[in-house]
Amino acid sequence: MRVATYYSNSDLRLEDMPVPDIGTGELLVRVEASGICGSDVMEWYRADKVPLVLGHEIAGQVVKTGADVNRFSEGDRVAVTHHVPCMACHYCETGHETVCDTLRSTSFDPGGFAELVRVPAINVDRGTFRLPESVSYEEGSFIEPVACVLRGQRQANFRPAASVLVIGSGISGILHIMVAKALGAGRIAATELVDFRLEAATKLGAEAVINAADDVPARFRQLNGGRGADLVVVCAGAPEAIEQALAAVARSGTVLFFATTRPELSMPLSINKFFWRNEVTLTSSYAGGPGDLRAALELIRAGRLPVADTITHRLPLAETGRGFDLVANPHDSLKVIIQPQK
């Protein structure tokens, strides 16, 4: 089978690999849609692991089932997530499945930028979801990233009517805008440096957009009656984005650090300003749990999240390298979907 093997953001090679053998409880899935995630282009995170086949936002069709698979059959349309928790450890039992050791070690074989993937039994059990006929493969590939957003906003104690500021309007920021709107947020504003993405943020749910080069905290307060944001979601890893978020959050508000930074980045923080009189909460989130994935599928099925509207590029497997360039160097791109069967 064909795979797109990652060596660096500028070096993805179309190669051949044997079709994986499946065992008891496993599935073989033909990948129809595989989204490129912002984390896929973090070269510093991949440098000591290459070469490898990436891609973890996938939807496709079951082509083979292993022994003891009862919930799925050949021909089923499914979405599959690569990370699944054990559901039995301390973290899982206390509602923190996404810091479970098992979740951080599970995956499928080889990755979504391939014609076929082997889905291990544990992923079949708690990370594979049958797609309703009304949900396309492309929409199904959004279940994992939307679940991450849902879990992040839950971690940040999002509440209806809250004012929301999203720092960075790449695909993660756009999904945060869409989810916040679907869940009943009050005023939603977004920042970005790229004009194309500012326009996308407006079309997909932001009431106001602010160029990230402006005085973001001051501009948001002008829009919000002099108050900061109840929830600030940081979807950009630049130090300036973090500084803007900390300056823009309201008293009693929450800053959700959703994007990662380079590992060497550290920043000073005023303990008194944030944690004494102003009762600001700083939190983070990683991945999504099984419940988040089910909720994501339902929101998409119900038409509450028009995720297909974020897709700017659909590329065949042979053009995965171009897709990575579009994500790593965005100008007129938002969501890039790889179609491995083309």
Protein backbone atom coordinates (compact mmCIF):
# COMPACT_ATOMS: atom_id res chain seq x y z
CA MET A 1 0.00 0.00 0.00
CA ARG A 2 1.04 3.63 -0.45
CA VAL A 3 1.99 5.83 2.50
CA ALA A 4 3.28 9.38 2.86
CA THR A 5 6.37 9.07 5.07
CA TYR A 6 7.41 12.09 7.10
CA TYR A 7 11.11 13.03 7.31
CA SER A 8 10.60 16.76 7.88
CA ASN A 9 8.03 19.43 7.01
CA SER A 10 9.76 19.86 3.65
CA ASP A 11 10.46 16.17 3.04
CA LEU A 12 7.46 13.84 2.77
CA ARG A 13 7.91 10.86 0.50
CA LEU A 14 5.36 8.66 -1.18
CA GLU A 15 6.53 5.14 -0.31
CA ASP A 16 5.29 1.56 -0.32
CA MET A 17 4.63 -0.41 2.85
CA PRO A 18 3.11 -3.86 3.41
CA VAL A 19 -0.57 -3.91 4.36
CA PRO A 20 -0.69 -4.50 8.15
CA ASP A 21 -1.88 -7.88 9.38
CA ILE A 22 -4.72 -7.66 11.88
CA GLY A 23 -5.24 -9.83 14.93
CA THR A 24 -8.00 -10.68 17.36
CA GLY A 25 -10.27 -7.74 18.11
CA GLU A 26 -8.68 -5.54 15.44
CA LEU A 27 -9.88 -3.79 12.29
CA LEU A 28 -8.35 -2.94 8.93
CA VAL A 29 -9.72 0.41 7.75
CA ARG A 30 -9.41 2.00 4.33
CA VAL A 31 -8.67 5.68 4.97
CA GLU A 32 -10.91 8.03 3.01
CA ALA A 33 -10.10 11.33 4.75
CA SER A 34 -7.17 12.28 6.97
CA GLY A 35 -6.75 15.80 8.32
CA ILE A 36 -3.39 17.48 8.84
CA CYS A 37 -3.17 18.70 12.44
CA GLY A 38 -1.08 21.65 13.56
CA SER A 39 0.84 19.25 15.79
CA ASP A 40 1.87 17.27 12.70
CA VAL A 41 4.10 20.14 11.57
CA MET A 42 5.97 20.57 14.88
CA GLU A 43 9.39 19.51 13.60
CA TRP A 44 11.06 19.81 17.02
CA TYR A 45 8.60 17.24 18.35
CA ARG A 46 9.25 14.76 15.50
CA ALA A 47 13.00 15.13 14.97
CA ASP A 48 14.09 12.08 16.96
CA LYS A 49 11.24 9.87 15.71
CA VAL A 50 11.54 10.13 11.92
CA PRO A 51 10.90 8.54 9.53
CA LEU A 52 7.29 7.84 10.41
CA VAL A 53 3.78 7.94 8.97
CA LEU A 54 1.71 10.64 10.64
CA GLY A 55 -2.01 11.37 10.51
CA HIS A 56 -4.40 10.90 13.43
CA GLU A 57 -7.63 12.59 12.27
CA ILE A 58 -9.11 9.85 10.15
CA ALA A 59 -12.34 8.45 8.79
CA GLY A 60 -12.78 5.54 6.45
CA GLN A 61 -14.40 2.20 5.75
CA VAL A 62 -13.85 -1.14 7.47
CA VAL A 63 -12.42 -3.63 4.96
CA LYS A 64 -11.58 -6.48 7.34
CA THR A 65 -12.45 -7.51 10.88
CA GLY A 66 -10.45 -9.68 13.25
CA ALA A 67 -11.80 -12.52 15.37
CA ASP A 68 -14.09 -11.48 18.24
CA VAL A 69 -15.05 -8.16 16.63
CA ASN A 70 -18.80 -7.90 17.15
CA ARG A 71 -19.59 -4.19 16.99
CA PHE A 72 -18.28 -3.55 13.48
CA SER A 73 -18.61 -5.26 10.11
CA GLU A 74 -16.97 -5.03 6.73
CA GLY A 75 -18.31 -1.98 4.92
CA ASP A 76 -19.02 0.08 8.02
CA ARG A 77 -18.16 3.76 7.77
CA VAL A 78 -16.14 4.79 10.81
CA ALA A 79 -14.05 7.49 12.44
CA VAL A 80 -11.08 6.30 14.48
CA THR A 81 -9.01 8.06 17.11
CA HIS A 82 -5.41 7.09 17.78
CA HIS A 83 -5.25 7.87 21.53
CA VAL A 84 -7.50 5.96 23.94
CA PRO A 85 -7.38 5.63 27.74
CA CYS A 86 -7.34 2.53 29.92
CA MET A 87 -10.45 3.63 31.86
CA ALA A 88 -9.14 1.92 35.00
CA CYS A 89 -6.25 4.01 36.39
CA HIS A 90 -6.40 6.85 38.92
CA TYR A 91 -6.55 9.49 36.20
CA CYS A 92 -9.37 7.80 34.29
CA GLU A 93 -11.37 7.18 37.45
CA THR A 94 -11.13 10.86 38.40
CA GLY A 95 -12.20 12.19 34.98
CA HIS A 96 -8.74 12.94 33.61
CA GLU A 97 -8.53 10.28 30.90
CA THR A 98 -6.34 12.45 28.72
CA VAL A 99 -3.37 12.22 31.10
CA CYS A 100 -3.67 8.43 31.31
CA ASP A 101 -0.42 6.59 30.50
CA THR A 102 -2.29 4.24 28.16
CA LEU A 103 -3.75 7.13 26.18
CA ARG A 104 -0.26 8.48 25.62
CA SER A 105 1.05 5.16 24.33
CA THR A 106 -1.79 4.01 22.04
CA SER A 107 -2.00 4.63 18.30
CA PHE A 108 -2.96 2.93 15.07
CA ASP A 109 -0.66 1.35 12.49
CA PRO A 110 0.93 3.02 10.61
CA GLY A 111 -0.85 6.41 10.53
CA GLY A 112 -3.60 8.21 8.69
CA PHE A 113 -1.51 9.31 5.71
CA ALA A 114 -1.75 5.80 4.33
CA GLU A 115 -4.21 3.87 2.23
CA LEU A 116 -4.99 1.43 5.06
CA VAL A 117 -4.55 1.40 8.83
CA ARG A 118 -4.66 -1.38 11.42
CA VAL A 119 -6.80 -0.40 14.39
CA PRO A 120 -5.65 -2.19 17.59
CA ALA A 121 -8.25 -3.89 19.77
CA ILE A 122 -8.19 -1.21 22.48
CA ASN A 123 -8.83 1.48 19.85
CA VAL A 124 -11.65 -0.59 18.36
CA ASP A 125 -13.20 -0.89 21.82
CA ARG A 126 -13.16 2.78 22.84
CA GLY A 127 -11.88 4.87 19.95
CA THR A 128 -13.88 3.77 16.89
CA PHE A 129 -17.24 5.30 16.03
CA ARG A 130 -19.71 4.36 13.32
CA LEU A 131 -20.57 7.35 11.13
CA PRO A 132 -24.23 8.16 10.44
CA GLU A 133 -25.05 8.27 6.75
CA SER A 134 -25.56 12.02 7.04
CA VAL A 135 -21.93 12.54 8.15
CA SER A 136 -19.34 12.50 5.36
CA TYR A 137 -15.87 11.00 5.71
CA GLU A 138 -14.45 14.52 5.69
CA GLU A 139 -16.75 15.57 8.52
CA GLY A 140 -15.90 12.36 10.36
CA SER A 141 -12.21 13.25 10.29
CA PHE A 142 -13.05 16.26 12.48
CA ILE A 143 -14.35 14.19 15.39
CA GLU A 144 -10.93 13.94 17.06
CA PRO A 145 -9.99 17.67 16.82
CA VAL A 146 -13.47 18.76 17.87
CA ALA A 147 -13.26 16.41 20.87
CA CYS A 148 -10.00 18.10 21.86
CA VAL A 149 -11.74 21.48 21.74
CA LEU A 150 -14.74 20.26 23.72
CA ARG A 151 -12.49 18.83 26.40
CA GLY A 152 -10.50 22.07 26.54
CA GLN A 153 -13.58 24.23 27.03
CA ARG A 154 -14.92 21.83 29.64
CA GLN A 155 -11.56 21.99 31.42
CA ALA A 156 -11.86 25.79 31.35
CA ASN A 157 -15.35 25.61 32.90
CA PHE A 158 -16.97 27.26 29.90
CA ARG A 159 -20.45 28.54 30.64
CA PRO A 160 -23.18 29.90 28.37
CA ALA A 161 -23.17 33.68 27.85
CA ALA A 162 -19.44 33.87 28.69
CA SER A 163 -17.39 36.34 26.67
CA VAL A 164 -14.67 34.54 24.72
CA LEU A 165 -11.44 35.73 23.15
CA VAL A 166 -9.63 33.27 20.88
CA ILE A 167 -5.96 34.12 20.32
CA GLY A 168 -4.99 32.70 16.92
CA SER A 169 -7.44 31.75 14.18
CA GLY A 170 -5.83 28.69 12.67
CA ILE A 171 -7.99 25.59 12.53
CA SER A 172 -7.87 25.03 16.30
CA GLY A 173 -8.90 28.62 16.95
CA ILE A 174 -11.70 28.40 14.40
CA LEU A 175 -13.00 25.20 16.00
CA HIS A 176 -12.95 26.90 19.40
CA ILE A 177 -15.00 29.75 17.92
CA MET A 178 -17.49 27.32 16.40
CA VAL A 179 -17.84 25.21 19.55
CA ALA A 180 -18.19 28.26 21.81
CA LYS A 181 -20.92 29.61 19.55
CA ALA A 182 -22.71 26.25 19.45
CA LEU A 183 -22.60 26.03 23.25
CA GLY A 184 -24.11 29.47 23.76
CA ALA A 185 -21.22 31.86 24.32
CA GLY A 186 -21.91 35.57 24.57
CA ARG A 187 -19.50 37.86 22.73
CA ILE A 188 -16.82 35.97 20.73
CA ALA A 189 -13.78 37.77 19.35
CA ALA A 190 -10.73 36.32 17.61
CA THR A 191 -7.23 37.47 16.73
CA GLU A 192 -4.92 36.60 13.85
CA LEU A 193 -2.15 38.09 11.74
CA VAL A 194 -3.27 36.50 8.45
CA ASP A 195 -6.14 38.38 6.77
CA PHE A 196 -7.54 35.22 5.18
CA ARG A 197 -8.00 33.68 8.62
CA LEU A 198 -9.51 36.84 10.09
CA GLU A 199 -12.14 36.64 7.35
CA ALA A 200 -12.70 32.95 8.10
CA ALA A 201 -13.15 33.70 11.80
CA THR A 202 -15.84 36.24 10.96
CA LYS A 203 -17.68 33.85 8.65
CA LEU A 204 -17.54 30.97 11.13
CA GLY A 205 -18.80 32.62 14.28
CA ALA A 206 -16.66 35.44 15.65
CA GLU A 207 -18.60 38.63 16.33
CA ALA A 208 -15.42 40.68 16.04
CA VAL A 209 -11.87 40.12 14.84
CA ILE A 210 -8.71 41.89 15.94
CA ASN A 211 -5.43 41.97 14.08
CA ALA A 212 -2.91 40.33 16.42
CA ALA A 213 -0.46 43.20 15.79
CA ASP A 214 -2.87 45.61 17.49
CA ASP A 215 -3.31 46.19 21.23
CA VAL A 216 -5.48 43.11 21.64
CA PRO A 217 -6.42 43.51 25.35
CA ALA A 218 -7.44 47.15 24.86
CA ARG A 219 -9.40 46.39 21.69
CA PHE A 220 -11.27 43.53 23.34
CA ARG A 221 -12.22 45.68 26.33
CA GLN A 222 -13.57 48.32 23.96
CA LEU A 223 -15.77 45.66 22.41
CA ASN A 224 -16.84 44.19 25.73
CA GLY A 225 -17.98 47.21 27.69
CA GLY A 226 -14.64 47.74 29.41
CA ARG A 227 -14.34 44.19 30.74
CA GLY A 228 -11.81 41.56 29.83
CA ALA A 229 -12.77 38.13 28.52
CA ASP A 230 -14.35 35.50 30.74
CA LEU A 231 -12.49 32.89 28.71
CA VAL A 232 -9.32 33.42 26.70
CA VAL A 233 -8.23 30.49 24.54
CA VAL A 234 -4.59 30.57 23.45
CA CYS A 235 -4.32 28.86 20.06
CA ALA A 236 -0.92 30.29 19.11
CA GLY A 237 2.41 29.39 20.64
CA ALA A 238 4.19 32.74 20.32
CA PRO A 239 5.18 34.53 23.54
CA GLU A 240 3.25 37.61 22.37
CA ALA A 241 0.05 35.54 22.20
CA ILE A 242 0.50 34.43 25.81
CA GLU A 243 1.21 37.98 26.95
CA GLN A 244 -1.95 39.20 25.21
CA ALA A 245 -4.02 36.45 26.80
CA LEU A 246 -2.82 37.22 30.32
CA ALA A 247 -3.50 40.92 29.81
CA ALA A 248 -6.95 40.37 28.29
CA VAL A 249 -8.54 37.98 30.80
CA ALA A 250 -11.22 39.38 33.09
CA ARG A 251 -11.23 39.17 36.86
CA SER A 252 -12.49 35.67 37.77
CA GLY A 253 -11.82 34.63 34.16
CA THR A 254 -9.93 31.67 32.73
CA VAL A 255 -7.02 31.38 30.33
CA LEU A 256 -6.94 28.06 28.47
CA PHE A 257 -3.52 27.22 27.04
CA PHE A 258 -4.53 25.10 24.07
CA ALA A 259 -1.55 25.54 21.74
CA THR A 260 1.87 24.29 22.67
CA THR A 261 5.04 26.36 22.59
CA ARG A 262 8.59 25.41 21.85
CA PRO A 263 9.87 23.40 24.85
CA GLU A 264 12.48 25.95 25.88
CA LEU A 265 9.98 28.80 26.29
CA SER A 266 9.33 30.08 29.81
CA MET A 267 7.72 33.33 30.95
CA PRO A 268 7.51 35.29 34.21
CA LEU A 269 4.13 35.44 35.93
CA SER A 270 2.78 37.80 38.59
CA ILE A 271 1.39 35.50 41.28
CA ASN A 272 -0.39 38.32 43.12
CA LYS A 273 -2.03 39.72 40.00
CA PHE A 274 -3.51 36.47 38.82
CA PHE A 275 -3.98 34.28 41.86
CA TRP A 276 -4.71 36.62 44.77
CA ARG A 277 -7.15 39.45 44.21
CA ASN A 278 -8.30 38.69 40.66
CA GLU A 279 -9.05 34.97 41.00
CA VAL A 280 -7.85 34.18 37.49
CA THR A 281 -7.63 30.51 36.52
CA LEU A 282 -4.84 29.35 34.22
CA THR A 283 -5.38 25.88 32.79
CA SER A 284 -4.43 23.62 29.91
CA SER A 285 -5.83 20.63 28.08
CA TYR A 286 -4.58 17.77 25.97
CA ALA A 287 -6.50 15.46 23.63
CA GLY A 288 -10.09 14.33 24.21
CA GLY A 289 -11.67 11.43 26.07
CA PRO A 290 -14.24 8.91 24.82
CA GLY A 291 -17.12 11.07 26.04
CA ASP A 292 -15.73 14.09 24.22
CA LEU A 293 -15.49 12.07 21.02
CA ARG A 294 -19.12 10.98 21.29
CA ALA A 295 -20.20 14.56 21.96
CA ALA A 296 -18.18 15.78 18.96
CA LEU A 297 -19.84 13.25 16.68
CA GLU A 298 -23.29 14.28 17.91
CA LEU A 299 -22.63 18.00 17.38
CA ILE A 300 -21.44 17.31 13.84
CA ARG A 301 -24.34 14.93 13.13
CA ALA A 302 -26.85 17.49 14.38
CA GLY A 303 -25.46 20.16 12.07
CA ARG A 304 -24.38 22.37 14.98
CA LEU A 305 -20.79 22.57 13.70
CA PRO A 306 -20.39 23.16 9.93
CA VAL A 307 -16.85 21.77 10.00
CA ALA A 308 -16.73 21.14 6.25
CA ASP A 309 -16.81 24.91 5.76
CA THR A 310 -13.29 25.11 7.22
CA ILE A 311 -11.78 22.89 4.52
CA THR A 312 -9.71 24.92 2.08
CA HIS A 313 -7.70 22.14 0.43
CA ARG A 314 -8.38 18.53 -0.48
CA LEU A 315 -5.27 16.76 -1.72
CA PRO A 316 -4.40 13.25 -2.92
CA LEU A 317 -1.88 11.20 -0.96
CA ALA A 318 0.90 12.05 -3.41
CA GLU A 319 0.51 15.74 -2.52
CA THR A 320 0.80 15.31 1.26
CA GLY A 321 4.04 17.29 1.15
CA ARG A 322 2.21 20.24 -0.35
CA GLY A 323 -0.38 19.88 2.40
CA PHE A 324 2.27 20.11 5.09
CA ASP A 325 3.67 23.25 3.47
CA LEU A 326 0.19 24.80 3.48
CA VAL A 327 -0.22 24.09 7.19
CA ALA A 328 3.31 25.10 8.20
CA ASN A 329 3.25 28.31 6.12
CA PRO A 330 -0.39 29.43 6.06
CA HIS A 331 -1.53 32.18 3.74
CA ASP A 332 -4.76 31.05 2.13
CA SER A 333 -5.24 27.76 3.94
CA LEU A 334 -7.21 26.68 6.96
CA LYS A 335 -7.99 22.95 7.05
CA VAL A 336 -6.14 20.60 4.73
CA ILE A 337 -7.58 17.13 4.15
CA ILE A 338 -5.58 14.31 2.58
CA GLN A 339 -7.57 11.77 0.53
CA PRO A 340 -5.39 8.63 0.50
CA GLN A 341 -7.51 6.80 -2.06
CA LYS A 342 -6.77 9.46 -4.69
